[in-house]
Amino acid sequence: MRYAVLGTGEVGRTLAGRLLELGHEVTLGSRSRDNPVAAQWATAEAGRAHAGTFADAAAAGEVVVNAVGGRVALEALRAAGAEHLDGKVLVDVSNPLAFEDGRPRLDPVESDSVAERIQRAFPRARVVKTLNTVNCQVMVDPRRVPGDHHVFVCGADSDAKQQVTALLGEFGWPAGRVLDLGGIRSARAVEMYLPLWLALFGRFGNADFNVEVHRTR
């Protein structure tokens, strides 16, 4: 499978690297074709690893992963081009986080979400929200956290969610630990989880944790 990963930060590089390890072809996208981080990553990985603009990556990928920050996601995806997103599964792992006066803030929050904004802006893309509730290392290696902890998916397209669930399985998330929360509006809930994640990170001092959902049968 050919993947486009948009974003050269730690999240993007971690996802892109794991996809390569799994045998996929990956283009790491950034704002400019001469981005030094993307170029260094592609050179170091070689073979099935490529670097280019957001548009280069989205055009090359059969699946597009949005790994830029939630506050700049629409800008990055517009640069990628709607024509390169139409009909494709678009995996959104972003969070709408900003720091104002040293304090974390979410925007949008409660009445909207990044994933919903993406779906509205690109109605022919098949947006699936997932993985934003865990650190990027746990995203690609859930064994870092003991127990049967969970990750979530939501989106309007059931086939797209099945495809993303299969990808999560490649990362090590058994299907039984992937909870489908329904339509894309549920992205509001998982994006609003971030303040609790930050509080837990402050309490534990590291990011190797996750939530495990128990219910009566």
N, C-alpha and C. Protein backbone atom coordinates (compact mmCIF):
# COMPACT_ATOMS: atom_id res chain seq x y z
N MET A 1 0.84 -1.19 0.00
CA MET A 1 0.00 0.00 0.00
C MET A 1 0.88 1.25 0.00
N ARG A 2 0.42 2.27 -0.70
CA ARG A 2 1.14 3.54 -0.74
C ARG A 2 0.46 4.53 0.21
N TYR A 3 1.22 5.05 1.15
CA TYR A 3 0.70 5.98 2.13
C TYR A 3 1.32 7.36 1.96
N ALA A 4 0.50 8.38 2.15
CA ALA A 4 0.99 9.75 2.29
C ALA A 4 0.86 10.12 3.76
N VAL A 5 1.94 10.59 4.35
CA VAL A 5 1.90 11.07 5.73
C VAL A 5 2.22 12.56 5.69
N LEU A 6 1.26 13.37 6.06
CA LEU A 6 1.44 14.81 6.03
C LEU A 6 1.90 15.29 7.39
N GLY A 7 3.10 15.86 7.42
CA GLY A 7 3.66 16.35 8.68
C GLY A 7 4.98 15.71 8.98
N THR A 8 5.99 16.53 9.27
CA THR A 8 7.34 16.03 9.49
C THR A 8 7.74 16.07 10.97
N GLY A 9 6.79 16.31 11.86
CA GLY A 9 7.08 16.29 13.28
C GLY A 9 7.25 14.87 13.79
N GLU A 10 7.34 14.74 15.10
CA GLU A 10 7.57 13.42 15.70
C GLU A 10 6.45 12.45 15.36
N VAL A 11 5.22 12.91 15.37
CA VAL A 11 4.09 12.02 15.07
C VAL A 11 4.18 11.53 13.63
N GLY A 12 4.37 12.45 12.70
CA GLY A 12 4.45 12.06 11.30
C GLY A 12 5.60 11.11 11.01
N ARG A 13 6.78 11.42 11.55
CA ARG A 13 7.93 10.56 11.29
C ARG A 13 7.76 9.19 11.94
N THR A 14 7.14 9.14 13.12
CA THR A 14 6.93 7.85 13.79
C THR A 14 5.97 6.98 13.00
N LEU A 15 4.87 7.56 12.55
CA LEU A 15 3.91 6.79 11.75
C LEU A 15 4.53 6.36 10.43
N ALA A 16 5.22 7.28 9.78
CA ALA A 16 5.83 6.96 8.49
C ALA A 16 6.86 5.85 8.63
N GLY A 17 7.67 5.92 9.68
CA GLY A 17 8.69 4.90 9.89
C GLY A 17 8.09 3.53 10.13
N ARG A 18 7.01 3.48 10.91
CA ARG A 18 6.37 2.19 11.18
C ARG A 18 5.72 1.63 9.93
N LEU A 19 5.12 2.47 9.12
CA LEU A 19 4.53 2.01 7.87
C LEU A 19 5.59 1.40 6.95
N LEU A 20 6.76 2.02 6.94
CA LEU A 20 7.86 1.45 6.15
C LEU A 20 8.26 0.09 6.70
N GLU A 21 8.37 -0.04 8.01
CA GLU A 21 8.74 -1.31 8.62
C GLU A 21 7.74 -2.42 8.26
N LEU A 22 6.50 -2.01 8.07
CA LEU A 22 5.46 -2.98 7.72
C LEU A 22 5.43 -3.31 6.24
N GLY A 23 6.32 -2.70 5.47
CA GLY A 23 6.44 -3.03 4.05
C GLY A 23 5.72 -2.10 3.10
N HIS A 24 5.16 -1.01 3.61
CA HIS A 24 4.43 -0.08 2.76
C HIS A 24 5.39 0.95 2.14
N GLU A 25 4.89 1.64 1.13
CA GLU A 25 5.62 2.74 0.51
C GLU A 25 5.06 4.04 1.08
N VAL A 26 5.93 4.95 1.47
CA VAL A 26 5.49 6.15 2.18
C VAL A 26 6.12 7.40 1.58
N THR A 27 5.28 8.41 1.35
CA THR A 27 5.77 9.74 0.99
C THR A 27 5.47 10.68 2.15
N LEU A 28 6.50 11.27 2.70
CA LEU A 28 6.36 12.20 3.82
C LEU A 28 6.20 13.61 3.24
N GLY A 29 5.06 14.22 3.51
CA GLY A 29 4.76 15.52 2.93
C GLY A 29 4.99 16.68 3.87
N SER A 30 5.43 17.81 3.29
CA SER A 30 5.65 19.03 4.06
C SER A 30 5.30 20.22 3.17
N ARG A 31 5.44 21.41 3.70
CA ARG A 31 5.05 22.60 2.93
C ARG A 31 5.91 22.82 1.70
N SER A 32 7.19 22.47 1.79
CA SER A 32 8.10 22.74 0.68
C SER A 32 8.83 21.47 0.26
N ARG A 33 9.15 21.40 -1.01
CA ARG A 33 9.81 20.21 -1.54
C ARG A 33 11.23 20.05 -0.98
N ASP A 34 11.84 21.14 -0.53
CA ASP A 34 13.21 21.08 -0.02
C ASP A 34 13.25 21.06 1.51
N ASN A 35 12.19 20.65 2.16
CA ASN A 35 12.18 20.56 3.62
C ASN A 35 13.31 19.65 4.08
N PRO A 36 14.24 20.14 4.90
CA PRO A 36 15.41 19.34 5.26
C PRO A 36 15.08 18.13 6.12
N VAL A 37 14.09 18.25 6.99
CA VAL A 37 13.73 17.12 7.84
C VAL A 37 13.18 15.98 6.99
N ALA A 38 12.27 16.31 6.07
CA ALA A 38 11.69 15.28 5.20
C ALA A 38 12.75 14.66 4.30
N ALA A 39 13.63 15.51 3.75
CA ALA A 39 14.67 15.00 2.87
C ALA A 39 15.62 14.07 3.62
N GLN A 40 16.00 14.44 4.82
CA GLN A 40 16.89 13.60 5.62
C GLN A 40 16.22 12.28 5.96
N TRP A 41 14.93 12.34 6.32
CA TRP A 41 14.19 11.12 6.63
C TRP A 41 14.15 10.18 5.43
N ALA A 42 13.83 10.71 4.27
CA ALA A 42 13.73 9.88 3.07
C ALA A 42 15.07 9.29 2.69
N THR A 43 16.14 10.07 2.84
CA THR A 43 17.47 9.59 2.50
C THR A 43 17.91 8.49 3.45
N ALA A 44 17.63 8.67 4.72
CA ALA A 44 18.04 7.68 5.72
C ALA A 44 17.28 6.37 5.54
N GLU A 45 16.00 6.46 5.19
CA GLU A 45 15.19 5.25 5.05
C GLU A 45 15.39 4.59 3.69
N ALA A 46 15.50 5.42 2.65
CA ALA A 46 15.76 4.96 1.27
C ALA A 46 14.71 3.97 0.78
N GLY A 47 14.86 3.58 -0.49
CA GLY A 47 13.99 2.56 -1.07
C GLY A 47 12.55 3.01 -1.23
N ARG A 48 11.70 2.60 -0.27
CA ARG A 48 10.26 2.89 -0.36
C ARG A 48 9.89 4.19 0.32
N ALA A 49 10.85 4.98 0.77
CA ALA A 49 10.59 6.25 1.45
C ALA A 49 10.84 7.42 0.50
N HIS A 50 9.90 8.34 0.47
CA HIS A 50 10.00 9.51 -0.40
C HIS A 50 9.62 10.76 0.38
N ALA A 51 10.02 11.90 -0.14
CA ALA A 51 9.66 13.18 0.47
C ALA A 51 9.18 14.12 -0.62
N GLY A 52 8.29 15.02 -0.26
CA GLY A 52 7.78 15.99 -1.22
C GLY A 52 6.87 16.98 -0.54
N THR A 53 6.17 17.75 -1.33
CA THR A 53 5.21 18.69 -0.78
C THR A 53 3.97 17.92 -0.31
N PHE A 54 3.07 18.64 0.37
CA PHE A 54 1.81 18.02 0.75
C PHE A 54 1.10 17.47 -0.49
N ALA A 55 1.12 18.23 -1.57
CA ALA A 55 0.45 17.80 -2.80
C ALA A 55 1.15 16.58 -3.41
N ASP A 56 2.48 16.57 -3.41
CA ASP A 56 3.23 15.41 -3.91
C ASP A 56 2.83 14.16 -3.15
N ALA A 57 2.80 14.28 -1.83
CA ALA A 57 2.50 13.13 -0.99
C ALA A 57 1.08 12.63 -1.22
N ALA A 58 0.11 13.57 -1.18
CA ALA A 58 -1.29 13.17 -1.34
C ALA A 58 -1.55 12.56 -2.70
N ALA A 59 -0.88 13.05 -3.72
CA ALA A 59 -1.05 12.49 -5.06
C ALA A 59 -0.51 11.07 -5.12
N ALA A 60 0.58 10.81 -4.41
CA ALA A 60 1.23 9.49 -4.48
C ALA A 60 0.53 8.47 -3.60
N GLY A 61 -0.13 8.90 -2.53
CA GLY A 61 -0.67 7.96 -1.56
C GLY A 61 -2.05 7.43 -1.93
N GLU A 62 -2.26 6.16 -1.66
CA GLU A 62 -3.60 5.59 -1.76
C GLU A 62 -4.41 5.91 -0.50
N VAL A 63 -3.71 6.08 0.61
CA VAL A 63 -4.30 6.50 1.88
C VAL A 63 -3.51 7.71 2.36
N VAL A 64 -4.21 8.71 2.88
CA VAL A 64 -3.56 9.93 3.37
C VAL A 64 -3.72 10.00 4.88
N VAL A 65 -2.61 10.26 5.58
CA VAL A 65 -2.62 10.39 7.03
C VAL A 65 -2.31 11.84 7.38
N ASN A 66 -3.24 12.49 8.05
CA ASN A 66 -3.02 13.86 8.50
C ASN A 66 -2.34 13.84 9.85
N ALA A 67 -1.05 14.15 9.88
CA ALA A 67 -0.27 14.16 11.12
C ALA A 67 0.28 15.54 11.44
N VAL A 68 -0.30 16.58 10.84
CA VAL A 68 0.05 17.95 11.23
C VAL A 68 -0.83 18.34 12.40
N GLY A 69 -0.51 19.43 13.05
CA GLY A 69 -1.32 19.90 14.17
C GLY A 69 -2.73 20.24 13.73
N GLY A 70 -3.68 20.03 14.62
CA GLY A 70 -5.06 20.26 14.28
C GLY A 70 -5.37 21.69 13.88
N ARG A 71 -4.65 22.64 14.44
CA ARG A 71 -4.92 24.05 14.15
C ARG A 71 -4.50 24.43 12.72
N VAL A 72 -3.63 23.64 12.10
CA VAL A 72 -3.19 23.95 10.74
C VAL A 72 -3.59 22.86 9.75
N ALA A 73 -4.45 21.94 10.18
CA ALA A 73 -4.80 20.80 9.34
C ALA A 73 -5.47 21.22 8.03
N LEU A 74 -6.44 22.11 8.10
CA LEU A 74 -7.14 22.52 6.88
C LEU A 74 -6.19 23.20 5.90
N GLU A 75 -5.30 24.02 6.41
CA GLU A 75 -4.32 24.68 5.55
C GLU A 75 -3.45 23.66 4.84
N ALA A 76 -2.98 22.65 5.57
CA ALA A 76 -2.13 21.63 4.96
C ALA A 76 -2.90 20.81 3.94
N LEU A 77 -4.14 20.48 4.25
CA LEU A 77 -4.93 19.67 3.32
C LEU A 77 -5.34 20.45 2.08
N ARG A 78 -5.58 21.74 2.23
CA ARG A 78 -5.85 22.56 1.04
C ARG A 78 -4.61 22.60 0.15
N ALA A 79 -3.43 22.68 0.78
CA ALA A 79 -2.20 22.64 0.00
C ALA A 79 -2.03 21.29 -0.68
N ALA A 80 -2.49 20.22 -0.03
CA ALA A 80 -2.43 18.89 -0.64
C ALA A 80 -3.31 18.80 -1.87
N GLY A 81 -4.43 19.52 -1.87
CA GLY A 81 -5.30 19.56 -3.03
C GLY A 81 -6.47 18.61 -2.93
N ALA A 82 -7.68 19.13 -3.05
CA ALA A 82 -8.87 18.29 -2.97
C ALA A 82 -8.85 17.18 -4.00
N GLU A 83 -8.28 17.46 -5.17
CA GLU A 83 -8.25 16.46 -6.24
C GLU A 83 -7.39 15.25 -5.85
N HIS A 84 -6.48 15.43 -4.92
CA HIS A 84 -5.63 14.33 -4.45
C HIS A 84 -6.20 13.61 -3.24
N LEU A 85 -7.32 14.13 -2.72
CA LEU A 85 -7.97 13.53 -1.55
C LEU A 85 -9.28 12.84 -1.91
N ASP A 86 -9.87 13.21 -3.02
CA ASP A 86 -11.18 12.70 -3.40
C ASP A 86 -11.20 11.18 -3.45
N GLY A 87 -12.13 10.58 -2.72
CA GLY A 87 -12.32 9.14 -2.74
C GLY A 87 -11.36 8.36 -1.87
N LYS A 88 -10.38 9.02 -1.30
CA LYS A 88 -9.36 8.33 -0.51
C LYS A 88 -9.71 8.31 0.97
N VAL A 89 -9.25 7.28 1.67
CA VAL A 89 -9.33 7.27 3.12
C VAL A 89 -8.35 8.31 3.65
N LEU A 90 -8.86 9.19 4.52
CA LEU A 90 -8.03 10.23 5.11
C LEU A 90 -8.06 10.01 6.63
N VAL A 91 -6.95 9.57 7.14
CA VAL A 91 -6.84 9.25 8.57
C VAL A 91 -6.37 10.50 9.31
N ASP A 92 -7.21 10.99 10.21
CA ASP A 92 -6.88 12.20 10.96
C ASP A 92 -6.48 11.82 12.38
N VAL A 93 -5.21 12.04 12.72
CA VAL A 93 -4.71 11.72 14.06
C VAL A 93 -4.43 13.00 14.87
N SER A 94 -4.89 14.13 14.38
CA SER A 94 -4.50 15.42 14.97
C SER A 94 -5.34 15.78 16.18
N ASN A 95 -4.84 16.77 16.92
CA ASN A 95 -5.57 17.37 18.04
C ASN A 95 -5.53 18.89 17.89
N PRO A 96 -6.62 19.56 18.27
CA PRO A 96 -6.70 21.02 18.08
C PRO A 96 -6.06 21.79 19.23
N LEU A 97 -4.79 21.54 19.46
CA LEU A 97 -4.12 22.08 20.65
C LEU A 97 -3.32 23.33 20.33
N ALA A 98 -3.46 24.29 21.21
CA ALA A 98 -2.62 25.49 21.16
C ALA A 98 -2.31 25.88 22.60
N PHE A 99 -1.25 26.64 22.76
CA PHE A 99 -0.88 27.13 24.09
C PHE A 99 -1.01 28.65 24.10
N GLU A 100 -1.82 29.16 25.01
CA GLU A 100 -2.00 30.59 25.16
C GLU A 100 -1.68 30.96 26.60
N ASP A 101 -0.74 31.88 26.78
CA ASP A 101 -0.26 32.25 28.11
C ASP A 101 0.26 31.04 28.86
N GLY A 102 0.88 30.12 28.10
CA GLY A 102 1.46 28.94 28.71
C GLY A 102 0.47 27.86 29.08
N ARG A 103 -0.79 28.04 28.73
CA ARG A 103 -1.82 27.08 29.09
C ARG A 103 -2.38 26.42 27.84
N PRO A 104 -2.66 25.11 27.90
CA PRO A 104 -3.23 24.44 26.73
C PRO A 104 -4.67 24.85 26.49
N ARG A 105 -5.02 24.97 25.23
CA ARG A 105 -6.39 25.35 24.84
C ARG A 105 -6.78 24.57 23.61
N LEU A 106 -8.04 24.17 23.52
CA LEU A 106 -8.56 23.47 22.35
C LEU A 106 -9.41 24.42 21.51
N ASP A 107 -9.21 24.37 20.20
CA ASP A 107 -10.03 25.13 19.28
C ASP A 107 -10.00 24.44 17.93
N PRO A 108 -11.10 23.87 17.47
CA PRO A 108 -12.46 23.94 18.04
C PRO A 108 -12.62 23.01 19.25
N VAL A 109 -13.75 23.19 19.92
CA VAL A 109 -14.05 22.35 21.07
C VAL A 109 -15.56 22.29 21.27
N GLU A 110 -16.06 21.15 21.66
CA GLU A 110 -17.45 20.89 22.05
C GLU A 110 -18.45 20.94 20.90
N SER A 111 -18.57 22.08 20.21
CA SER A 111 -19.57 22.20 19.17
C SER A 111 -19.04 21.87 17.78
N ASP A 112 -17.78 21.48 17.70
CA ASP A 112 -17.16 21.15 16.42
C ASP A 112 -15.89 20.36 16.70
N SER A 113 -15.24 19.88 15.65
CA SER A 113 -13.98 19.16 15.79
C SER A 113 -13.15 19.36 14.53
N VAL A 114 -11.86 19.10 14.65
CA VAL A 114 -10.99 19.17 13.47
C VAL A 114 -11.47 18.19 12.41
N ALA A 115 -11.78 16.97 12.82
CA ALA A 115 -12.18 15.95 11.85
C ALA A 115 -13.45 16.34 11.10
N GLU A 116 -14.41 16.94 11.81
CA GLU A 116 -15.63 17.39 11.13
C GLU A 116 -15.32 18.52 10.15
N ARG A 117 -14.45 19.42 10.54
CA ARG A 117 -14.07 20.51 9.64
C ARG A 117 -13.40 19.96 8.38
N ILE A 118 -12.56 18.95 8.57
CA ILE A 118 -11.92 18.33 7.41
C ILE A 118 -12.96 17.68 6.51
N GLN A 119 -13.91 16.95 7.11
CA GLN A 119 -14.92 16.28 6.29
C GLN A 119 -15.79 17.28 5.54
N ARG A 120 -16.13 18.40 6.18
CA ARG A 120 -16.92 19.43 5.49
C ARG A 120 -16.13 20.07 4.36
N ALA A 121 -14.86 20.34 4.60
CA ALA A 121 -14.05 21.00 3.58
C ALA A 121 -13.74 20.08 2.40
N PHE A 122 -13.67 18.77 2.68
CA PHE A 122 -13.35 17.80 1.63
C PHE A 122 -14.39 16.68 1.66
N PRO A 123 -15.60 16.99 1.18
CA PRO A 123 -16.71 16.04 1.33
C PRO A 123 -16.52 14.72 0.62
N ARG A 124 -15.63 14.68 -0.36
CA ARG A 124 -15.42 13.42 -1.09
C ARG A 124 -14.28 12.59 -0.50
N ALA A 125 -13.60 13.13 0.49
CA ALA A 125 -12.61 12.33 1.24
C ALA A 125 -13.36 11.47 2.25
N ARG A 126 -12.75 10.36 2.62
CA ARG A 126 -13.38 9.40 3.55
C ARG A 126 -12.64 9.51 4.88
N VAL A 127 -13.05 10.48 5.69
CA VAL A 127 -12.31 10.86 6.89
C VAL A 127 -12.59 9.88 8.03
N VAL A 128 -11.53 9.40 8.66
CA VAL A 128 -11.62 8.56 9.85
C VAL A 128 -10.74 9.16 10.93
N LYS A 129 -11.33 9.44 12.08
CA LYS A 129 -10.57 9.95 13.22
C LYS A 129 -10.10 8.78 14.06
N THR A 130 -8.82 8.77 14.41
CA THR A 130 -8.30 7.70 15.26
C THR A 130 -6.94 8.09 15.82
N LEU A 131 -6.48 7.37 16.83
CA LEU A 131 -5.12 7.43 17.37
C LEU A 131 -4.76 8.72 18.10
N ASN A 132 -5.63 9.73 18.09
CA ASN A 132 -5.26 11.00 18.72
C ASN A 132 -5.30 10.95 20.24
N THR A 133 -5.75 9.84 20.80
CA THR A 133 -5.84 9.72 22.27
C THR A 133 -4.62 9.07 22.90
N VAL A 134 -3.60 8.77 22.09
CA VAL A 134 -2.39 8.15 22.63
C VAL A 134 -1.16 8.83 22.04
N ASN A 135 -0.05 8.69 22.74
CA ASN A 135 1.24 9.18 22.26
C ASN A 135 1.63 8.46 20.97
N CYS A 136 2.45 9.09 20.15
CA CYS A 136 2.78 8.49 18.85
C CYS A 136 3.52 7.16 18.98
N GLN A 137 4.31 6.98 20.04
CA GLN A 137 4.99 5.70 20.22
C GLN A 137 3.99 4.59 20.53
N VAL A 138 2.97 4.92 21.31
CA VAL A 138 1.93 3.94 21.61
C VAL A 138 1.05 3.70 20.39
N MET A 139 0.87 4.72 19.56
CA MET A 139 0.10 4.55 18.32
C MET A 139 0.59 3.33 17.54
N VAL A 140 1.91 3.23 17.38
CA VAL A 140 2.48 2.21 16.50
C VAL A 140 2.98 0.98 17.25
N ASP A 141 2.92 1.02 18.60
CA ASP A 141 3.36 -0.11 19.41
C ASP A 141 2.57 -0.15 20.71
N PRO A 142 1.32 -0.61 20.65
CA PRO A 142 0.49 -0.63 21.86
C PRO A 142 1.02 -1.51 22.97
N ARG A 143 1.99 -2.37 22.67
CA ARG A 143 2.57 -3.23 23.71
C ARG A 143 3.34 -2.42 24.74
N ARG A 144 3.62 -1.17 24.46
CA ARG A 144 4.31 -0.33 25.44
C ARG A 144 3.46 -0.14 26.69
N VAL A 145 2.15 -0.35 26.56
CA VAL A 145 1.23 -0.21 27.69
C VAL A 145 0.63 -1.59 27.96
N PRO A 146 0.78 -2.14 29.15
CA PRO A 146 0.21 -3.45 29.45
C PRO A 146 -1.31 -3.41 29.52
N GLY A 147 -1.92 -4.57 29.31
CA GLY A 147 -3.37 -4.65 29.44
C GLY A 147 -4.10 -4.51 28.11
N ASP A 148 -5.41 -4.69 28.18
CA ASP A 148 -6.25 -4.62 26.98
C ASP A 148 -6.83 -3.22 26.81
N HIS A 149 -5.96 -2.24 26.68
CA HIS A 149 -6.40 -0.86 26.51
C HIS A 149 -6.91 -0.62 25.10
N HIS A 150 -7.61 0.49 24.91
CA HIS A 150 -8.39 0.68 23.70
C HIS A 150 -7.99 1.93 22.92
N VAL A 151 -8.33 1.87 21.64
CA VAL A 151 -8.21 3.02 20.76
C VAL A 151 -9.55 3.16 20.04
N PHE A 152 -9.82 4.34 19.49
CA PHE A 152 -11.15 4.63 18.95
C PHE A 152 -11.07 4.98 17.46
N VAL A 153 -12.17 4.71 16.77
CA VAL A 153 -12.33 5.18 15.39
C VAL A 153 -13.71 5.80 15.28
N CYS A 154 -13.82 6.82 14.43
CA CYS A 154 -15.15 7.34 14.08
C CYS A 154 -15.07 7.95 12.69
N GLY A 155 -16.20 7.92 12.01
CA GLY A 155 -16.28 8.43 10.64
C GLY A 155 -17.57 8.01 9.99
N ALA A 156 -17.90 8.66 8.90
CA ALA A 156 -19.17 8.40 8.24
C ALA A 156 -19.14 7.17 7.35
N ASP A 157 -17.97 6.77 6.90
CA ASP A 157 -17.83 5.69 5.92
C ASP A 157 -17.42 4.40 6.62
N SER A 158 -18.32 3.42 6.67
CA SER A 158 -18.04 2.18 7.39
C SER A 158 -16.90 1.39 6.74
N ASP A 159 -16.83 1.39 5.41
CA ASP A 159 -15.74 0.68 4.75
C ASP A 159 -14.39 1.32 5.07
N ALA A 160 -14.36 2.65 5.13
CA ALA A 160 -13.13 3.35 5.48
C ALA A 160 -12.70 2.99 6.90
N LYS A 161 -13.67 2.91 7.81
CA LYS A 161 -13.34 2.55 9.19
C LYS A 161 -12.81 1.12 9.26
N GLN A 162 -13.36 0.23 8.47
CA GLN A 162 -12.84 -1.14 8.44
C GLN A 162 -11.41 -1.17 7.93
N GLN A 163 -11.12 -0.35 6.90
CA GLN A 163 -9.77 -0.30 6.36
C GLN A 163 -8.80 0.25 7.41
N VAL A 164 -9.21 1.28 8.12
CA VAL A 164 -8.35 1.85 9.16
C VAL A 164 -8.19 0.88 10.32
N THR A 165 -9.23 0.15 10.67
CA THR A 165 -9.11 -0.86 11.72
C THR A 165 -8.11 -1.93 11.33
N ALA A 166 -8.08 -2.30 10.06
CA ALA A 166 -7.08 -3.27 9.58
C ALA A 166 -5.68 -2.70 9.70
N LEU A 167 -5.51 -1.41 9.39
CA LEU A 167 -4.20 -0.77 9.55
C LEU A 167 -3.80 -0.76 11.02
N LEU A 168 -4.74 -0.43 11.90
CA LEU A 168 -4.44 -0.46 13.33
C LEU A 168 -4.01 -1.86 13.76
N GLY A 169 -4.61 -2.88 13.15
CA GLY A 169 -4.20 -4.25 13.43
C GLY A 169 -2.75 -4.49 13.05
N GLU A 170 -2.31 -3.90 11.95
CA GLU A 170 -0.90 -4.02 11.56
C GLU A 170 -0.01 -3.36 12.61
N PHE A 171 -0.48 -2.29 13.20
CA PHE A 171 0.30 -1.61 14.24
C PHE A 171 0.32 -2.40 15.54
N GLY A 172 -0.59 -3.38 15.67
CA GLY A 172 -0.61 -4.20 16.88
C GLY A 172 -1.86 -4.04 17.72
N TRP A 173 -2.88 -3.34 17.21
CA TRP A 173 -4.14 -3.16 17.92
C TRP A 173 -5.12 -4.23 17.46
N PRO A 174 -5.42 -5.25 18.27
CA PRO A 174 -6.42 -6.24 17.86
C PRO A 174 -7.77 -5.58 17.61
N ALA A 175 -8.55 -6.15 16.70
CA ALA A 175 -9.83 -5.55 16.33
C ALA A 175 -10.73 -5.36 17.55
N GLY A 176 -10.65 -6.26 18.52
CA GLY A 176 -11.49 -6.16 19.71
C GLY A 176 -11.14 -5.00 20.61
N ARG A 177 -9.98 -4.39 20.38
CA ARG A 177 -9.57 -3.24 21.18
C ARG A 177 -9.70 -1.93 20.40
N VAL A 178 -10.36 -2.00 19.25
CA VAL A 178 -10.66 -0.81 18.46
C VAL A 178 -12.15 -0.55 18.59
N LEU A 179 -12.52 0.52 19.27
CA LEU A 179 -13.92 0.82 19.53
C LEU A 179 -14.45 1.83 18.52
N ASP A 180 -15.47 1.42 17.77
CA ASP A 180 -16.10 2.28 16.78
C ASP A 180 -17.13 3.16 17.48
N LEU A 181 -16.91 4.46 17.47
CA LEU A 181 -17.79 5.40 18.15
C LEU A 181 -18.87 5.97 17.23
N GLY A 182 -18.95 5.47 16.00
CA GLY A 182 -20.00 5.92 15.09
C GLY A 182 -19.52 6.99 14.13
N GLY A 183 -20.38 7.97 13.87
CA GLY A 183 -20.10 8.98 12.86
C GLY A 183 -19.02 9.96 13.25
N ILE A 184 -18.70 10.83 12.31
CA ILE A 184 -17.57 11.74 12.48
C ILE A 184 -17.81 12.74 13.61
N ARG A 185 -19.07 12.98 13.98
CA ARG A 185 -19.34 13.90 15.08
C ARG A 185 -18.71 13.43 16.39
N SER A 186 -18.49 12.12 16.53
CA SER A 186 -17.87 11.60 17.75
C SER A 186 -16.43 12.07 17.90
N ALA A 187 -15.86 12.62 16.83
CA ALA A 187 -14.50 13.18 16.93
C ALA A 187 -14.44 14.28 17.99
N ARG A 188 -15.57 14.95 18.25
CA ARG A 188 -15.57 15.98 19.29
C ARG A 188 -15.16 15.37 20.64
N ALA A 189 -15.69 14.19 20.92
CA ALA A 189 -15.42 13.56 22.21
C ALA A 189 -13.96 13.17 22.35
N VAL A 190 -13.40 12.53 21.32
CA VAL A 190 -12.02 12.07 21.45
C VAL A 190 -11.03 13.24 21.40
N GLU A 191 -11.38 14.31 20.71
CA GLU A 191 -10.51 15.48 20.72
C GLU A 191 -10.55 16.18 22.08
N MET A 192 -11.72 16.18 22.74
CA MET A 192 -11.83 16.81 24.06
C MET A 192 -11.17 15.97 25.16
N TYR A 193 -10.74 14.74 24.83
CA TYR A 193 -10.00 13.91 25.79
C TYR A 193 -8.61 14.48 26.07
N LEU A 194 -8.10 15.31 25.18
CA LEU A 194 -6.71 15.76 25.29
C LEU A 194 -6.37 16.42 26.62
N PRO A 195 -7.20 17.30 27.19
CA PRO A 195 -6.83 17.88 28.49
C PRO A 195 -6.64 16.82 29.57
N LEU A 196 -7.46 15.77 29.57
CA LEU A 196 -7.25 14.69 30.53
C LEU A 196 -5.94 13.97 30.25
N TRP A 197 -5.64 13.75 28.96
CA TRP A 197 -4.36 13.10 28.61
C TRP A 197 -3.19 13.94 29.15
N LEU A 198 -3.26 15.24 28.98
CA LEU A 198 -2.18 16.11 29.45
C LEU A 198 -2.06 16.05 30.97
N ALA A 199 -3.19 15.99 31.67
CA ALA A 199 -3.15 15.90 33.13
C ALA A 199 -2.53 14.58 33.57
N LEU A 200 -2.86 13.50 32.87
CA LEU A 200 -2.28 12.21 33.20
C LEU A 200 -0.78 12.19 32.90
N PHE A 201 -0.40 12.81 31.81
CA PHE A 201 1.03 12.91 31.48
C PHE A 201 1.77 13.65 32.59
N GLY A 202 1.17 14.73 33.08
CA GLY A 202 1.79 15.46 34.18
C GLY A 202 1.89 14.62 35.45
N ARG A 203 0.89 13.78 35.67
CA ARG A 203 0.88 12.93 36.86
C ARG A 203 1.91 11.82 36.77
N PHE A 204 2.00 11.16 35.59
CA PHE A 204 2.87 10.00 35.44
C PHE A 204 4.30 10.36 35.04
N GLY A 205 4.47 11.48 34.34
CA GLY A 205 5.79 11.89 33.92
C GLY A 205 6.28 11.22 32.66
N ASN A 206 5.44 10.41 32.02
CA ASN A 206 5.78 9.83 30.72
C ASN A 206 4.49 9.55 29.96
N ALA A 207 4.62 9.19 28.69
CA ALA A 207 3.45 9.05 27.82
C ALA A 207 3.04 7.62 27.57
N ASP A 208 3.62 6.66 28.28
CA ASP A 208 3.27 5.25 28.08
C ASP A 208 2.07 4.87 28.92
N PHE A 209 0.91 5.39 28.56
CA PHE A 209 -0.33 5.04 29.25
C PHE A 209 -1.49 5.15 28.26
N ASN A 210 -2.61 4.55 28.63
CA ASN A 210 -3.81 4.62 27.80
C ASN A 210 -5.00 4.23 28.65
N VAL A 211 -6.19 4.35 28.09
CA VAL A 211 -7.41 3.99 28.81
C VAL A 211 -7.89 2.61 28.37
N GLU A 212 -8.50 1.92 29.31
CA GLU A 212 -9.09 0.60 29.04
C GLU A 212 -10.56 0.67 29.43
N VAL A 213 -11.43 0.32 28.52
CA VAL A 213 -12.86 0.46 28.73
C VAL A 213 -13.44 -0.90 29.15
N HIS A 214 -14.14 -0.90 30.29
CA HIS A 214 -14.82 -2.10 30.77
C HIS A 214 -16.31 -1.84 30.81
N ARG A 215 -17.09 -2.85 30.47
CA ARG A 215 -18.54 -2.70 30.54
C ARG A 215 -19.16 -4.04 30.87
N THR A 216 -20.38 -4.02 31.39
CA THR A 216 -21.10 -5.26 31.65
C THR A 216 -21.63 -5.81 30.33
N ARG A 217 -21.64 -7.10 30.24
CA ARG A 217 -22.09 -7.74 28.99
C ARG A 217 -23.61 -7.85 28.96
